[in-house]
C-alpha atoms as a PDB file:
ATOM      1  CA  MET A   1     117.050 118.217 134.426  1.00  0.00           C
ATOM      2  CA  SER A   2     113.371 118.648 133.596  1.00  0.00           C
ATOM      3  CA  GLU A   3     112.299 119.666 130.118  1.00  0.00           C
ATOM      4  CA  ILE A   4     110.717 122.804 131.567  1.00  0.00           C
ATOM      5  CA  ALA A   5     113.893 124.303 133.095  1.00  0.00           C
ATOM      6  CA  PRO A   6     115.419 125.505 129.785  1.00  0.00           C
ATOM      7  CA  LEU A   7     112.163 127.337 128.997  1.00  0.00           C
ATOM      8  CA  VAL A   8     112.066 129.269 132.292  1.00  0.00           C
ATOM      9  CA  ALA A   9     114.144 132.428 132.535  1.00  0.00           C
ATOM     10  CA  GLY A  10     116.288 132.241 135.664  1.00  0.00           C
ATOM     11  CA  SER A  11     115.702 128.502 136.176  1.00  0.00           C
ATOM     12  CA  GLU A  12     119.384 128.047 136.929  1.00  0.00           C
ATOM     13  CA  LYS A  13     118.780 129.744 140.282  1.00  0.00           C
ATOM     14  CA  LEU A  14     116.589 126.805 141.330  1.00  0.00           C
ATOM     15  CA  THR A  15     118.513 124.045 139.603  1.00  0.00           C
ATOM     16  CA  SER A  16     121.709 125.218 141.312  1.00  0.00           C
ATOM     17  CA  ILE A  17     120.025 124.825 144.716  1.00  0.00           C
ATOM     18  CA  PHE A  18     118.182 121.545 144.098  1.00  0.00           C
ATOM     19  CA  GLY A  19     120.354 119.979 141.390  1.00  0.00           C
ATOM     20  CA  ARG A  20     117.315 119.798 139.080  1.00  0.00           C
ATOM     21  CA  TRP A  21     113.994 121.545 138.468  1.00  0.00           C
ATOM     22  CA  PRO A  22     111.999 120.977 141.703  1.00  0.00           C
ATOM     23  CA  SER A  23     108.645 119.181 141.768  1.00  0.00           C
ATOM     24  CA  PHE A  24     107.127 121.619 144.298  1.00  0.00           C
ATOM     25  CA  HIS A  25     105.444 118.597 145.948  1.00  0.00           C
ATOM     26  CA  ASP A  26     103.931 119.668 149.302  1.00  0.00           C
ATOM     27  CA  ALA A  27     105.103 123.246 148.691  1.00  0.00           C
ATOM     28  CA  GLU A  28     103.113 126.079 150.253  1.00  0.00           C
ATOM     29  CA  VAL A  29     101.768 129.021 148.255  1.00  0.00           C
ATOM     30  CA  HIS A  30     102.472 132.203 150.193  1.00  0.00           C
ATOM     31  CA  GLU A  31     101.162 134.715 147.691  1.00  0.00           C
ATOM     32  CA  PHE A  32      99.395 135.074 144.353  1.00  0.00           C
ATOM     33  CA  ARG A  33      99.340 138.475 142.666  1.00  0.00           C
ATOM     34  CA  PHE A  34      97.414 139.144 139.469  1.00  0.00           C
ATOM     35  CA  GLN A  35      97.869 142.125 137.174  1.00  0.00           C
ATOM     36  CA  ARG A  36      95.313 142.454 134.421  1.00  0.00           C
ATOM     37  CA  GLY A  37      97.574 144.053 131.828  1.00  0.00           C
ATOM     38  CA  LYS A  38      96.459 146.729 129.415  1.00  0.00           C
ATOM     39  CA  ASP A  39      96.049 147.449 125.754  1.00  0.00           C
ATOM     40  CA  ASP A  40      96.524 151.077 124.777  1.00  0.00           C
ATOM     41  CA  PRO A  41      96.055 151.430 120.996  1.00  0.00           C
ATOM     42  CA  ALA A  42      96.953 155.141 121.138  1.00  0.00           C
ATOM     43  CA  SER A  43     100.503 154.407 122.316  1.00  0.00           C
ATOM     44  CA  SER A  44     100.856 150.907 120.829  1.00  0.00           C
ATOM     45  CA  ALA A  45     101.501 149.683 124.374  1.00  0.00           C
ATOM     46  CA  LEU A  46     100.450 146.162 125.225  1.00  0.00           C
ATOM     47  CA  GLU A  47     100.966 144.597 128.625  1.00  0.00           C
ATOM     48  CA  PHE A  48      99.929 140.984 129.039  1.00  0.00           C
ATOM     49  CA  PRO A  49      98.019 139.748 132.098  1.00  0.00           C
ATOM     50  CA  THR A  50     100.547 138.551 134.674  1.00  0.00           C
ATOM     51  CA  LEU A  51     100.457 136.155 137.628  1.00  0.00           C
ATOM     52  CA  THR A  52     103.206 136.328 140.235  1.00  0.00           C
ATOM     53  CA  ALA A  53     103.396 133.447 142.717  1.00  0.00           C
ATOM     54  CA  LYS A  54     105.576 133.127 145.802  1.00  0.00           C
ATOM     55  CA  ILE A  55     106.009 129.491 146.784  1.00  0.00           C
ATOM     56  CA  HIS A  56     107.882 128.031 149.764  1.00  0.00           C
ATOM     57  CA  HIS A  57     109.435 124.671 148.965  1.00  0.00           C
ATOM     58  CA  TRP A  58     112.279 122.452 150.150  1.00  0.00           C
ATOM     59  CA  LEU A  59     114.081 119.167 149.683  1.00  0.00           C
ATOM     60  CA  MET A  60     112.788 116.263 151.751  1.00  0.00           C
ATOM     61  CA  THR A  61     115.583 113.895 152.765  1.00  0.00           C
ATOM     62  CA  SER A  62     115.325 110.236 153.753  1.00  0.00           C
ATOM     63  CA  GLU A  63     116.642 111.165 157.213  1.00  0.00           C
ATOM     64  CA  VAL A  64     114.156 111.099 160.107  1.00  0.00           C
ATOM     65  CA  ASP A  65     114.438 113.433 163.099  1.00  0.00           C
ATOM     66  CA  PRO A  66     113.914 112.351 166.746  1.00  0.00           C
ATOM     67  CA  THR A  67     110.186 113.192 166.523  1.00  0.00           C
ATOM     68  CA  GLY A  68     109.705 110.849 163.537  1.00  0.00           C
ATOM     69  CA  HIS A  69     109.439 113.545 160.848  1.00  0.00           C
ATOM     70  CA  TYR A  70     111.482 113.600 157.668  1.00  0.00           C
ATOM     71  CA  VAL A  71     114.267 116.165 157.710  1.00  0.00           C
ATOM     72  CA  LEU A  72     113.646 119.019 155.257  1.00  0.00           C
ATOM     73  CA  THR A  73     116.558 121.002 153.811  1.00  0.00           C
ATOM     74  CA  LYS A  74     117.173 123.772 151.276  1.00  0.00           C
ATOM     75  CA  HIS A  75     114.098 125.801 152.253  1.00  0.00           C
ATOM     76  CA  THR A  76     113.506 128.290 149.456  1.00  0.00           C
ATOM     77  CA  LEU A  77     110.923 130.999 148.790  1.00  0.00           C
ATOM     78  CA  THR A  78     110.665 131.130 145.006  1.00  0.00           C
ATOM     79  CA  THR A  79     108.970 133.879 143.019  1.00  0.00           C
ATOM     80  CA  LEU A  80     107.597 132.774 139.651  1.00  0.00           C
ATOM     81  CA  ARG A  81     106.105 135.213 137.133  1.00  0.00           C
ATOM     82  CA  PHE A  82     103.791 133.982 134.395  1.00  0.00           C
ATOM     83  CA  LEU A  83     103.138 136.336 131.476  1.00  0.00           C
ATOM     84  CA  GLY A  84     100.124 136.247 129.187  1.00  0.00           C
ATOM     85  CA  VAL A  85      97.855 134.426 131.626  1.00  0.00           C
ATOM     86  CA  GLU A  86      94.618 133.510 129.878  1.00  0.00           C
ATOM     87  CA  ASP A  87      93.080 130.902 132.153  1.00  0.00           C
ATOM     88  CA  PHE A  88      93.571 130.320 135.864  1.00  0.00           C
ATOM     89  CA  LYS A  89      91.750 127.932 138.208  1.00  0.00           C
ATOM     90  CA  MET A  90      92.232 127.552 141.931  1.00  0.00           C
ATOM     91  CA  GLU A  91      90.446 125.432 144.528  1.00  0.00           C
ATOM     92  CA  GLY A  92      90.710 125.081 148.281  1.00  0.00           C
ATOM     93  CA  PHE A  93      92.362 128.356 149.268  1.00  0.00           C
ATOM     94  CA  ASN A  94      93.036 128.254 153.023  1.00  0.00           C
ATOM     95  CA  HIS A  95      95.556 129.109 155.752  1.00  0.00           C
ATOM     96  CA  GLN A  96      98.275 126.746 154.471  1.00  0.00           C
ATOM     97  CA  ASN A  97      97.773 126.333 150.681  1.00  0.00           C
ATOM     98  CA  VAL A  98      99.810 123.152 150.213  1.00  0.00           C
ATOM     99  CA  ILE A  99     100.072 122.051 146.606  1.00  0.00           C
ATOM    100  CA  PHE A 100     100.600 118.531 145.292  1.00  0.00           C
ATOM    101  CA  GLY A 101     103.000 119.786 142.628  1.00  0.00           C
ATOM    102  CA  LEU A 102     103.417 122.411 139.935  1.00  0.00           C
ATOM    103  CA  GLU A 103     102.590 121.902 136.285  1.00  0.00           C
ATOM    104  CA  ILE A 104     103.129 124.573 133.676  1.00  0.00           C
ATOM    105  CA  GLU A 105     101.359 124.590 130.332  1.00  0.00           C
ATOM    106  CA  GLY A 106     101.600 127.202 127.673  1.00  0.00           C
ATOM    107  CA  ASN A 107     102.947 128.484 124.443  1.00  0.00           C
ATOM    108  CA  ILE A 108     106.283 130.256 124.328  1.00  0.00           C
ATOM    109  CA  PHE A 109     107.145 131.922 121.032  1.00  0.00           C
ATOM    110  CA  GLY A 110     104.857 129.619 119.097  1.00  0.00           C
ATOM    111  CA  ARG A 111     106.177 126.454 120.739  1.00  0.00           C
ATOM    112  CA  ASP A 112     103.741 124.437 122.844  1.00  0.00           C
ATOM    113  CA  PHE A 113     105.020 122.799 125.995  1.00  0.00           C
ATOM    114  CA  GLU A 114     103.584 120.971 128.957  1.00  0.00           C
ATOM    115  CA  LYS A 115     105.278 119.775 132.118  1.00  0.00           C
END
């Protein structure tokens, strides 16, 4: 299991499907939603900026179908929510939005991590 899985709330939902934390290699981003958060000193309310991403991914097998393509199984549409977003960069937004993989960097409760 990846080092990141224990730090992600609900990661067991993905690891139970894929047997490990998925790489998201060749996954397709279906949706990004940003919420700016708010800071209301009068009510002591603080909401951190949030990014919600919906990503379609699967498991590629070594099996090849009759057309010569690898057989893909365990198709999953995963929703990931990132809290406290401070910096976001994106390039090449288009009709398909295939990603090479997913890396998460951050600081959770004072503990730095990168994967």
